[in-house]
Amino acid sequence: MKIKRAIAASGLVVGALAISPAAVSADSVGTPGEPNCFGMRVSHGASDHGLTPGDRAAALQYVVYESGMVSPEEVEAFEATFGVKDETVTVRVFAAFVRTNCSDDPFVPSP
């Protein structure tokens, strides 16, 4: 069940917090550099899509490691930037990923 939910949620992660700049267009929430960006993105996933931060961490893990959408170079940069060990994306990593992409210097460049 968690795998199915992670796969379904991966589309949301790709849309809102994508690794690939081409996939950023769908369901964009929060403006990078704005103080409320992080809260808007986390609450949007919970209230509009019924996803917990744990669900979204699992979806991000799926996108990065299992979907085939992320190049090996991007995976390496993701791991180095967020300290991911053993291909496990924790809620803490997910939160750092959202915070970084809400900053003035996001990990995922805008298209």
N, C-alpha and C. Protein backbone atom coordinates (compact mmCIF):
# COMPACT_ATOMS: atom_id res chain seq x y z
N MET A 1 0.81 -1.19 0.00
CA MET A 1 0.00 0.00 0.00
C MET A 1 0.86 1.26 0.00
N LYS A 2 1.93 1.26 0.81
CA LYS A 2 2.80 2.44 0.85
C LYS A 2 3.45 2.69 -0.50
N ILE A 3 3.82 1.62 -1.22
CA ILE A 3 4.45 1.78 -2.53
C ILE A 3 3.47 2.45 -3.48
N LYS A 4 2.21 2.00 -3.51
CA LYS A 4 1.21 2.60 -4.38
C LYS A 4 1.00 4.07 -4.03
N ARG A 5 0.94 4.35 -2.75
CA ARG A 5 0.74 5.74 -2.30
C ARG A 5 1.95 6.60 -2.67
N ALA A 6 3.14 6.03 -2.54
CA ALA A 6 4.35 6.77 -2.89
C ALA A 6 4.39 7.04 -4.38
N ILE A 7 3.98 6.07 -5.17
CA ILE A 7 3.97 6.27 -6.63
C ILE A 7 2.96 7.35 -6.99
N ALA A 8 1.78 7.30 -6.39
CA ALA A 8 0.77 8.33 -6.66
C ALA A 8 1.26 9.70 -6.20
N ALA A 9 1.90 9.73 -5.07
CA ALA A 9 2.39 11.01 -4.53
C ALA A 9 3.58 11.55 -5.30
N SER A 10 4.29 10.68 -6.00
CA SER A 10 5.49 11.13 -6.70
C SER A 10 5.17 12.20 -7.72
N GLY A 11 3.99 12.13 -8.33
CA GLY A 11 3.59 13.17 -9.27
C GLY A 11 3.49 14.52 -8.60
N LEU A 12 3.01 14.53 -7.36
CA LEU A 12 2.91 15.77 -6.62
C LEU A 12 4.28 16.30 -6.25
N VAL A 13 5.15 15.40 -5.86
CA VAL A 13 6.51 15.82 -5.52
C VAL A 13 7.20 16.37 -6.75
N VAL A 14 7.03 15.68 -7.85
CA VAL A 14 7.66 16.15 -9.09
C VAL A 14 7.12 17.52 -9.47
N GLY A 15 5.81 17.70 -9.32
CA GLY A 15 5.21 18.98 -9.69
C GLY A 15 5.62 20.12 -8.79
N ALA A 16 5.58 19.88 -7.50
CA ALA A 16 5.83 20.96 -6.55
C ALA A 16 7.29 21.12 -6.19
N LEU A 17 8.04 20.05 -6.19
CA LEU A 17 9.41 20.09 -5.69
C LEU A 17 10.37 19.35 -6.60
N ALA A 18 10.16 19.40 -7.88
CA ALA A 18 10.84 18.53 -8.84
C ALA A 18 12.35 18.60 -8.81
N ILE A 19 12.96 17.47 -9.08
CA ILE A 19 14.39 17.41 -9.32
C ILE A 19 14.65 17.91 -10.74
N SER A 20 13.85 17.48 -11.65
CA SER A 20 14.01 17.86 -13.05
C SER A 20 13.31 19.18 -13.34
N PRO A 21 14.01 20.19 -13.84
CA PRO A 21 13.38 21.49 -14.10
C PRO A 21 12.20 21.40 -15.06
N ALA A 22 12.19 20.45 -15.97
CA ALA A 22 11.10 20.33 -16.93
C ALA A 22 9.79 19.95 -16.27
N ALA A 23 9.85 19.32 -15.11
CA ALA A 23 8.65 18.82 -14.46
C ALA A 23 8.06 19.80 -13.44
N VAL A 24 8.60 20.99 -13.33
CA VAL A 24 8.19 21.93 -12.29
C VAL A 24 6.83 22.55 -12.57
N SER A 25 6.34 22.47 -13.76
CA SER A 25 5.16 23.23 -14.16
C SER A 25 3.87 22.87 -13.42
N ALA A 26 3.66 21.66 -12.96
CA ALA A 26 2.39 21.25 -12.37
C ALA A 26 2.33 21.52 -10.87
N ASP A 27 1.22 22.10 -10.42
CA ASP A 27 0.91 22.24 -9.01
C ASP A 27 1.96 23.01 -8.21
N SER A 28 2.43 24.09 -8.74
CA SER A 28 3.43 24.92 -8.08
C SER A 28 2.79 25.71 -6.93
N VAL A 29 3.40 25.64 -5.75
CA VAL A 29 2.88 26.32 -4.56
C VAL A 29 4.03 27.02 -3.86
N GLY A 30 3.78 28.21 -3.35
CA GLY A 30 4.81 28.95 -2.62
C GLY A 30 5.80 29.60 -3.55
N THR A 31 6.29 30.74 -3.16
CA THR A 31 7.26 31.48 -3.97
C THR A 31 8.61 31.44 -3.29
N PRO A 32 9.64 30.88 -3.97
CA PRO A 32 10.97 30.86 -3.37
C PRO A 32 11.39 32.27 -2.94
N GLY A 33 12.00 32.34 -1.77
CA GLY A 33 12.44 33.62 -1.23
C GLY A 33 11.41 34.27 -0.32
N GLU A 34 10.17 33.83 -0.37
CA GLU A 34 9.12 34.37 0.50
C GLU A 34 9.15 33.63 1.83
N PRO A 35 8.94 34.31 2.94
CA PRO A 35 9.04 33.67 4.25
C PRO A 35 8.04 32.52 4.48
N ASN A 36 6.90 32.54 3.82
CA ASN A 36 5.89 31.52 4.07
C ASN A 36 5.93 30.37 3.05
N CYS A 37 6.92 30.33 2.18
CA CYS A 37 7.00 29.31 1.13
C CYS A 37 6.99 27.89 1.71
N PHE A 38 7.84 27.62 2.69
CA PHE A 38 7.93 26.28 3.26
C PHE A 38 6.59 25.83 3.84
N GLY A 39 5.98 26.67 4.66
CA GLY A 39 4.70 26.34 5.25
C GLY A 39 3.62 26.12 4.22
N MET A 40 3.60 26.94 3.18
CA MET A 40 2.60 26.79 2.13
C MET A 40 2.75 25.44 1.42
N ARG A 41 3.99 25.07 1.13
CA ARG A 41 4.22 23.82 0.40
C ARG A 41 3.87 22.61 1.25
N VAL A 42 4.26 22.62 2.51
CA VAL A 42 3.97 21.48 3.38
C VAL A 42 2.47 21.38 3.64
N SER A 43 1.83 22.51 3.94
CA SER A 43 0.40 22.46 4.23
C SER A 43 -0.42 22.13 2.99
N HIS A 44 0.02 22.56 1.83
CA HIS A 44 -0.68 22.23 0.58
C HIS A 44 -0.70 20.71 0.37
N GLY A 45 0.43 20.07 0.56
CA GLY A 45 0.48 18.62 0.39
C GLY A 45 -0.44 17.90 1.36
N ALA A 46 -0.51 18.42 2.59
CA ALA A 46 -1.36 17.78 3.61
C ALA A 46 -2.84 18.07 3.38
N SER A 47 -3.17 19.35 3.22
CA SER A 47 -4.58 19.71 3.15
C SER A 47 -5.21 19.42 1.79
N ASP A 48 -4.50 19.68 0.72
CA ASP A 48 -5.09 19.49 -0.62
C ASP A 48 -4.92 18.08 -1.16
N HIS A 49 -3.91 17.37 -0.68
CA HIS A 49 -3.63 16.05 -1.25
C HIS A 49 -3.62 14.93 -0.20
N GLY A 50 -3.80 15.27 1.06
CA GLY A 50 -3.87 14.26 2.12
C GLY A 50 -2.58 13.51 2.36
N LEU A 51 -1.45 14.15 2.09
CA LEU A 51 -0.15 13.49 2.24
C LEU A 51 0.58 14.01 3.47
N THR A 52 1.11 13.09 4.24
CA THR A 52 1.93 13.47 5.39
C THR A 52 3.35 13.76 4.89
N PRO A 53 4.16 14.43 5.70
CA PRO A 53 5.55 14.59 5.31
C PRO A 53 6.25 13.24 5.06
N GLY A 54 5.86 12.21 5.81
CA GLY A 54 6.42 10.87 5.58
C GLY A 54 6.06 10.34 4.20
N ASP A 55 4.81 10.56 3.80
CA ASP A 55 4.38 10.15 2.46
C ASP A 55 5.19 10.87 1.39
N ARG A 56 5.40 12.15 1.62
CA ARG A 56 6.12 12.95 0.62
C ARG A 56 7.60 12.61 0.60
N ALA A 57 8.16 12.25 1.76
CA ALA A 57 9.56 11.78 1.78
C ALA A 57 9.68 10.49 0.98
N ALA A 58 8.73 9.59 1.15
CA ALA A 58 8.73 8.33 0.39
C ALA A 58 8.59 8.60 -1.10
N ALA A 59 7.75 9.57 -1.46
CA ALA A 59 7.57 9.91 -2.87
C ALA A 59 8.84 10.52 -3.45
N LEU A 60 9.50 11.39 -2.67
CA LEU A 60 10.76 11.98 -3.13
C LEU A 60 11.81 10.89 -3.31
N GLN A 61 11.86 9.96 -2.39
CA GLN A 61 12.78 8.82 -2.51
C GLN A 61 12.50 8.04 -3.79
N TYR A 62 11.23 7.79 -4.06
CA TYR A 62 10.85 7.08 -5.29
C TYR A 62 11.32 7.85 -6.53
N VAL A 63 11.05 9.15 -6.56
CA VAL A 63 11.42 9.96 -7.73
C VAL A 63 12.93 9.94 -7.94
N VAL A 64 13.68 10.14 -6.87
CA VAL A 64 15.14 10.23 -7.00
C VAL A 64 15.77 8.89 -7.34
N TYR A 65 15.33 7.81 -6.68
CA TYR A 65 16.04 6.54 -6.81
C TYR A 65 15.38 5.48 -7.68
N GLU A 66 14.09 5.53 -7.88
CA GLU A 66 13.42 4.44 -8.58
C GLU A 66 12.75 4.81 -9.88
N SER A 67 12.43 6.07 -10.09
CA SER A 67 11.63 6.46 -11.25
C SER A 67 12.42 6.47 -12.56
N GLY A 68 13.73 6.62 -12.48
CA GLY A 68 14.53 6.75 -13.69
C GLY A 68 14.50 8.16 -14.27
N MET A 69 13.85 9.09 -13.57
CA MET A 69 13.74 10.47 -14.06
C MET A 69 14.94 11.33 -13.68
N VAL A 70 15.77 10.85 -12.78
CA VAL A 70 16.87 11.65 -12.26
C VAL A 70 18.19 11.03 -12.71
N SER A 71 19.03 11.86 -13.30
CA SER A 71 20.32 11.36 -13.80
C SER A 71 21.23 10.98 -12.63
N PRO A 72 22.21 10.12 -12.88
CA PRO A 72 23.16 9.76 -11.81
C PRO A 72 23.88 10.98 -11.23
N GLU A 73 24.15 11.96 -12.06
CA GLU A 73 24.81 13.18 -11.57
C GLU A 73 23.90 13.95 -10.62
N GLU A 74 22.60 14.02 -10.96
CA GLU A 74 21.66 14.71 -10.09
C GLU A 74 21.47 13.95 -8.78
N VAL A 75 21.45 12.62 -8.85
CA VAL A 75 21.34 11.80 -7.63
C VAL A 75 22.54 12.06 -6.73
N GLU A 76 23.73 12.09 -7.32
CA GLU A 76 24.94 12.34 -6.55
C GLU A 76 24.89 13.73 -5.90
N ALA A 77 24.45 14.74 -6.64
CA ALA A 77 24.33 16.09 -6.09
C ALA A 77 23.28 16.14 -4.98
N PHE A 78 22.18 15.44 -5.17
CA PHE A 78 21.11 15.36 -4.15
C PHE A 78 21.66 14.76 -2.87
N GLU A 79 22.36 13.63 -2.99
CA GLU A 79 22.92 12.96 -1.81
C GLU A 79 23.93 13.85 -1.10
N ALA A 80 24.79 14.50 -1.86
CA ALA A 80 25.81 15.37 -1.25
C ALA A 80 25.17 16.58 -0.57
N THR A 81 24.20 17.16 -1.21
CA THR A 81 23.56 18.36 -0.67
C THR A 81 22.75 18.07 0.59
N PHE A 82 22.02 16.95 0.59
CA PHE A 82 21.10 16.68 1.68
C PHE A 82 21.56 15.57 2.62
N GLY A 83 22.75 15.05 2.42
CA GLY A 83 23.31 14.05 3.33
C GLY A 83 22.57 12.73 3.34
N VAL A 84 22.03 12.33 2.20
CA VAL A 84 21.27 11.08 2.12
C VAL A 84 22.23 9.90 2.18
N LYS A 85 21.89 8.94 3.02
CA LYS A 85 22.68 7.71 3.18
C LYS A 85 21.81 6.53 2.79
N ASP A 86 22.39 5.56 2.12
CA ASP A 86 21.71 4.31 1.78
C ASP A 86 20.40 4.52 1.03
N GLU A 87 20.33 5.56 0.21
CA GLU A 87 19.15 5.84 -0.62
C GLU A 87 17.86 5.95 0.20
N THR A 88 17.96 6.47 1.42
CA THR A 88 16.81 6.63 2.29
C THR A 88 16.53 8.11 2.49
N VAL A 89 15.38 8.55 1.99
CA VAL A 89 14.96 9.94 2.16
C VAL A 89 14.06 10.00 3.39
N THR A 90 14.55 10.66 4.41
CA THR A 90 13.79 10.81 5.66
C THR A 90 12.93 12.07 5.59
N VAL A 91 12.07 12.23 6.58
CA VAL A 91 11.27 13.45 6.67
C VAL A 91 12.20 14.66 6.83
N ARG A 92 13.27 14.48 7.57
CA ARG A 92 14.24 15.57 7.75
C ARG A 92 14.86 15.98 6.41
N VAL A 93 15.21 15.00 5.59
CA VAL A 93 15.76 15.28 4.25
C VAL A 93 14.70 15.98 3.40
N PHE A 94 13.47 15.47 3.44
CA PHE A 94 12.38 16.09 2.68
C PHE A 94 12.22 17.56 3.09
N ALA A 95 12.21 17.83 4.40
CA ALA A 95 12.05 19.20 4.90
C ALA A 95 13.21 20.08 4.43
N ALA A 96 14.43 19.55 4.47
CA ALA A 96 15.59 20.32 3.99
C ALA A 96 15.47 20.60 2.50
N PHE A 97 14.97 19.62 1.75
CA PHE A 97 14.77 19.78 0.31
C PHE A 97 13.75 20.90 0.04
N VAL A 98 12.65 20.91 0.78
CA VAL A 98 11.64 21.95 0.59
C VAL A 98 12.21 23.31 0.99
N ARG A 99 12.88 23.37 2.14
CA ARG A 99 13.47 24.66 2.58
C ARG A 99 14.46 25.19 1.55
N THR A 100 15.30 24.32 1.04
CA THR A 100 16.28 24.73 0.04
C THR A 100 15.59 25.26 -1.21
N ASN A 101 14.54 24.58 -1.64
CA ASN A 101 13.85 25.01 -2.85
C ASN A 101 12.93 26.20 -2.61
N CYS A 102 12.76 26.59 -1.36
CA CYS A 102 12.04 27.81 -1.03
C CYS A 102 13.00 28.98 -0.82
N SER A 103 14.28 28.71 -0.88
CA SER A 103 15.28 29.76 -0.64
C SER A 103 15.54 30.56 -1.91
N ASP A 104 16.36 31.58 -1.77
CA ASP A 104 16.77 32.37 -2.93
C ASP A 104 17.78 31.63 -3.80
N ASP A 105 18.29 30.51 -3.30
CA ASP A 105 19.26 29.70 -4.03
C ASP A 105 18.77 28.23 -4.05
N PRO A 106 17.72 27.95 -4.84
CA PRO A 106 17.11 26.62 -4.83
C PRO A 106 18.02 25.53 -5.42
N PHE A 107 17.80 24.30 -4.99
CA PHE A 107 18.51 23.14 -5.52
C PHE A 107 18.03 22.85 -6.93
N VAL A 108 16.74 23.06 -7.16
CA VAL A 108 16.13 22.84 -8.47
C VAL A 108 15.97 24.17 -9.16
N PRO A 109 16.69 24.39 -10.26
CA PRO A 109 16.55 25.67 -10.96
C PRO A 109 15.19 25.78 -11.62
N SER A 110 14.70 27.00 -11.75
CA SER A 110 13.43 27.23 -12.46
C SER A 110 13.67 27.07 -13.95
N PRO A 111 12.62 26.62 -14.67
CA PRO A 111 12.78 26.41 -16.11
C PRO A 111 12.97 27.72 -16.85
